[in-house]
Protein backbone atom coordinates (compact mmCIF):
# COMPACT_ATOMS: atom_id res chain seq x y z
CA MET A 1 -1.17 -8.21 -9.99
CA ASN A 2 -2.67 -8.18 -6.52
CA ILE A 3 -0.32 -6.43 -4.13
CA PHE A 4 -0.67 -9.21 -1.59
CA SER A 5 0.23 -11.97 -4.04
CA LYS A 6 3.79 -11.90 -2.75
CA ILE A 7 5.18 -11.55 0.75
CA THR A 8 8.34 -9.64 -0.03
CA ILE A 9 8.59 -6.00 -1.03
CA VAL A 10 8.25 -5.53 -4.77
CA CYS A 11 11.00 -3.44 -6.34
CA ILE A 12 9.91 -0.19 -7.97
CA ALA A 13 6.36 -0.88 -6.85
CA ILE A 14 5.01 2.55 -7.67
CA ALA A 15 6.16 2.23 -11.27
CA PHE A 16 3.52 -0.45 -11.70
CA GLY A 17 0.85 1.43 -9.76
CA GLN A 18 1.24 -0.87 -6.76
CA LEU A 19 1.95 -0.41 -3.12
CA SER A 20 4.19 -2.49 -0.95
CA PRO A 21 2.86 -5.79 0.31
CA ILE A 22 3.51 -6.80 3.87
CA LYS A 23 6.82 -8.39 4.69
CA ALA A 24 6.50 -11.85 6.14
CA GLU A 25 8.51 -12.43 9.27
CA SER A 26 10.37 -15.68 9.64
CA ALA A 27 9.17 -18.15 12.22
CA SER A 28 12.08 -17.25 14.49
CA GLN A 29 11.31 -13.53 14.24
CA THR A 30 7.64 -14.14 15.01
CA LEU A 31 8.59 -16.18 18.05
CA GLN A 32 10.68 -13.28 19.28
CA HIS A 33 7.48 -11.24 19.41
CA PHE A 34 5.98 -14.04 21.46
CA GLN A 35 8.56 -13.97 24.24
CA PRO A 36 6.98 -11.20 26.38
CA ILE A 37 3.50 -12.80 26.35
CA PRO A 38 2.58 -13.61 29.96
CA THR A 39 1.70 -17.29 29.71
CA GLU A 40 3.36 -20.51 30.83
CA GLN A 41 1.13 -22.82 28.84
CA ALA A 42 3.30 -25.13 26.79
CA ASP A 43 0.46 -25.92 24.38
CA VAL A 44 0.05 -22.22 23.56
CA ARG A 45 3.77 -21.85 22.90
CA GLN A 46 3.74 -24.95 20.69
CA LEU A 47 0.73 -23.69 18.74
CA PHE A 48 2.42 -20.35 18.28
CA GLN A 49 5.56 -22.02 16.95
CA THR A 50 3.68 -24.25 14.52
CA GLY A 51 1.49 -21.36 13.38
CA ALA A 52 4.54 -19.23 12.66
CA THR A 53 6.19 -22.08 10.77
CA LYS A 54 3.05 -22.73 8.70
CA THR A 55 2.87 -19.03 7.82
CA GLN A 56 6.46 -19.13 6.65
CA GLN A 57 5.78 -22.25 4.59
CA GLY A 58 2.63 -20.86 2.97
CA ASP A 59 0.13 -23.04 4.85
CA TYR A 60 -2.03 -20.07 5.74
CA GLN A 61 -5.18 -22.01 6.58
CA GLY A 62 -3.21 -24.20 8.97
CA ALA A 63 -1.65 -21.09 10.53
CA ILE A 64 -5.09 -19.51 10.98
CA GLN A 65 -6.32 -22.62 12.75
CA ASP A 66 -3.32 -22.61 15.10
CA PHE A 67 -3.63 -18.92 15.99
CA SER A 68 -7.39 -19.30 16.41
CA GLN A 69 -6.76 -22.13 18.85
CA ILE A 70 -4.41 -19.89 20.83
CA ILE A 71 -7.12 -17.22 20.98
CA LYS A 72 -9.62 -19.83 22.19
CA ILE A 73 -7.23 -20.81 24.98
CA ASN A 74 -6.30 -17.23 25.90
CA PRO A 75 -8.10 -14.38 24.10
CA GLN A 76 -5.75 -11.80 25.64
CA ILE A 77 -2.70 -12.73 23.56
CA ALA A 78 -2.38 -9.82 21.14
CA GLU A 79 0.26 -11.47 18.97
CA ALA A 80 -2.08 -14.33 18.08
CA TYR A 81 -4.54 -11.88 16.50
CA CYS A 82 -1.74 -10.02 14.71
CA ASN A 83 -0.26 -13.17 13.19
CA ARG A 84 -3.65 -14.57 12.28
CA GLY A 85 -4.28 -11.28 10.51
CA LEU A 86 -1.11 -11.77 8.48
CA ALA A 87 -2.27 -15.22 7.38
CA LEU A 88 -5.72 -13.88 6.55
CA ILE A 89 -4.15 -11.30 4.26
CA GLN A 90 -2.45 -14.02 2.27
CA GLN A 91 -5.85 -15.65 1.77
CA GLY A 92 -7.36 -12.40 0.55
CA ASN A 93 -9.60 -12.03 3.60
CA TYR A 94 -8.73 -8.38 4.14
CA GLN A 95 -11.66 -7.25 6.26
CA SER A 96 -11.11 -10.10 8.72
CA ALA A 97 -7.42 -9.21 8.77
CA ILE A 98 -8.25 -5.60 9.63
CA ALA A 99 -10.52 -6.84 12.42
CA ASP A 100 -7.65 -8.89 13.84
CA PHE A 101 -5.26 -5.94 13.67
CA ASN A 102 -7.88 -3.76 15.36
CA HIS A 103 -8.13 -6.32 18.14
CA THR A 104 -4.36 -6.47 18.43
CA ILE A 105 -4.19 -2.71 18.88
CA ARG A 106 -6.96 -2.75 21.49
CA LEU A 107 -4.95 -5.26 23.50
CA ALA A 108 -1.54 -3.68 22.78
CA PRO A 109 -1.86 -0.02 21.71
CA ASP A 110 1.87 0.24 20.97
CA HIS A 111 1.97 -2.75 18.60
CA ILE A 112 4.01 -1.44 15.66
CA ASP A 113 3.52 -4.50 13.43
CA ALA A 114 -0.26 -4.27 13.77
CA TYR A 115 -0.28 -0.65 12.61
CA ASN A 116 2.09 -1.41 9.74
CA ARG A 117 0.17 -4.47 8.58
CA ARG A 118 -3.18 -2.73 8.87
CA GLY A 119 -1.73 0.17 6.91
CA ASN A 120 -0.72 -2.19 4.12
CA VAL A 121 -4.22 -3.64 3.97
CA HIS A 122 -5.76 -0.16 3.86
CA ALA A 123 -3.36 0.76 1.06
CA GLY A 124 -4.24 -2.35 -0.90
CA LEU A 125 -7.91 -1.53 -0.58
CA GLY A 126 -7.33 2.03 -1.76
CA ASN A 127 -7.87 3.64 1.64
CA LEU A 128 -4.65 5.62 1.39
CA GLN A 129 -5.36 8.23 4.05
CA ASN A 130 -6.06 5.47 6.56
CA ALA A 131 -2.88 3.74 5.43
CA ILE A 132 -0.83 6.91 5.94
CA ALA A 133 -2.34 7.35 9.40
CA ASP A 134 -1.33 3.80 10.36
CA PHE A 135 2.20 4.12 8.98
CA SER A 136 2.53 7.47 10.77
CA GLN A 137 1.50 5.84 14.03
CA ALA A 138 4.04 3.07 13.50
CA VAL A 139 6.93 5.50 13.04
CA ALA A 140 5.69 7.63 15.93
CA LEU A 141 5.96 4.55 18.15
CA ASN A 142 9.38 3.70 16.71
CA PRO A 143 11.17 6.52 14.84
CA ASP A 144 13.74 3.97 13.60
CA PHE A 145 11.14 1.79 11.85
CA SER A 146 12.36 2.01 8.26
CA ASP A 147 9.52 -0.02 6.74
CA GLY A 148 7.01 2.46 8.15
CA TYR A 149 8.66 5.35 6.33
CA TYR A 150 9.03 3.31 3.14
CA ASN A 151 5.40 2.21 3.14
CA ARG A 152 4.21 5.71 3.93
CA GLY A 153 6.35 6.97 1.06
CA LEU A 154 4.57 4.60 -1.30
CA ALA A 155 1.18 5.80 -0.11
CA GLN A 156 2.25 9.44 -0.31
CA THR A 157 3.40 8.87 -3.88
CA GLU A 158 0.11 7.27 -4.79
CA ILE A 159 -1.92 10.29 -3.64
CA GLY A 160 0.48 12.78 -5.21
CA ASN A 161 2.24 14.10 -2.11
CA LEU A 162 5.57 13.81 -3.88
CA GLN A 163 7.73 15.96 -1.61
CA ASN A 164 6.46 14.05 1.41
CA ALA A 165 7.20 10.81 -0.39
CA ILE A 166 10.79 11.86 -1.06
CA ALA A 167 11.18 12.78 2.61
CA ASP A 168 9.92 9.35 3.66
CA TYR A 169 12.12 7.42 1.23
CA THR A 170 15.10 9.52 2.31
CA LYS A 171 14.42 8.73 5.96
CA ALA A 172 14.13 5.02 5.17
CA ILE A 173 17.46 5.14 3.32
CA LYS A 174 19.10 6.98 6.19
CA LEU A 175 18.00 4.23 8.55
CA VAL A 176 18.83 1.38 6.14
CA PRO A 177 21.44 2.56 3.63
CA ASN A 178 21.30 -0.70 1.67
CA PHE A 179 17.63 -0.32 0.67
CA PRO A 180 17.40 -0.54 -3.15
CA GLU A 181 13.58 -0.48 -3.21
CA ALA A 182 13.61 2.88 -1.46
CA TYR A 183 16.17 4.27 -3.91
CA ALA A 184 14.18 2.95 -6.88
CA ASN A 185 10.88 4.37 -5.72
CA ARG A 186 12.48 7.69 -4.83
CA ALA A 187 13.86 7.75 -8.37
CA ILE A 188 10.33 7.37 -9.72
CA VAL A 189 9.22 10.38 -7.68
CA TYR A 190 12.18 12.47 -8.82
CA HIS A 191 11.28 11.56 -12.38
CA ARG A 192 7.70 12.71 -11.85
CA LEU A 193 9.04 15.99 -10.49
CA GLY A 194 11.23 16.45 -13.56
CA ASP A 195 14.49 16.00 -11.66
CA LYS A 196 16.31 13.78 -14.14
CA SER A 197 19.71 13.99 -12.46
CA HIS A 198 18.55 12.73 -9.07
CA SER A 199 16.28 10.16 -10.69
CA LEU A 200 19.08 8.58 -12.70
CA SER A 201 21.44 8.71 -9.73
CA ASP A 202 18.97 6.82 -7.53
CA LEU A 203 18.27 4.24 -10.21
CA LYS A 204 22.01 3.60 -10.66
CA GLN A 205 22.38 3.15 -6.92
CA ALA A 206 19.39 0.80 -6.79
CA ALA A 207 20.78 -1.26 -9.69
CA ARG A 208 24.15 -1.61 -7.94
CA MET A 209 22.45 -2.75 -4.74
CA PHE A 210 20.14 -5.23 -6.47
CA SER A 211 23.12 -6.66 -8.33
CA LYS A 212 25.13 -7.00 -5.13
CA GLN A 213 22.19 -8.71 -3.43
CA GLY A 214 21.80 -11.14 -6.31
CA ASN A 215 18.30 -9.86 -6.99
CA VAL A 216 18.22 -10.46 -10.73
CA ALA A 217 14.61 -9.41 -11.25
CA GLY A 218 15.11 -6.18 -9.31
CA TYR A 219 18.30 -5.42 -11.20
CA LYS A 220 16.76 -6.00 -14.63
CA GLN A 221 13.69 -3.96 -13.77
CA THR A 222 15.81 -1.07 -12.53
CA VAL A 223 18.07 -1.12 -15.58
CA LEU A 224 14.99 -1.04 -17.81
CA TYR A 225 13.77 2.13 -16.11
CA LEU A 226 17.26 3.59 -16.15
CA GLU A 227 17.54 3.17 -19.92
CA THR A 228 14.01 4.47 -20.45
CA PHE A 229 14.55 7.59 -18.34
CA LYS A 230 17.90 8.31 -19.97
CA ASN A 231 16.20 8.63 -23.35
CA ILE A 232 13.47 11.00 -22.15
CA LYS A 233 14.29 14.58 -23.05
């Protein structure tokens, strides 16, 4: 399964040899990013709102057209490039997405979302060192950015830096205690290190959280790994 085929974090992603896809922001969250943009043009604001809504609804081509129109009106709006890049990812146009994130960062060097999204694309393309560099920059800009640590943990796991991966998952959990994906993926790393006790403990915690969240697929997947790991001597 392509890692960008979904827009929510996949539970126990590493267990299936996958990295985390990019989280899709809601239209309201995306508009919050738009607030500081120095423009009074009502048509730009309307295009931004419709583009964000289309992204949320899965109309990625329509979103790309709206954000491209914003860029045509004012090519200095960094958020238009960043959100067009997100829509491009969903279409599988990864190199164009990277180009948009690069442009975002040139315009706004402290743009955390651009680094995180570009890191996800690099990870999906197998460029894990570049991905780690981007996630590291994201958490350097905002040390409380839990997704940055989580995504970097996935990449660290993939290249075999298991202790670093545990440190990243642990940091993500410290920032967001109710983070079952982080517990589940940390459990996978503990299992690879031969630490059965911590692995089972994390899987139990992840299962409880998935159940409480009503995430049936995540719960079933975690229980499957829990039962499998229990029976490994």
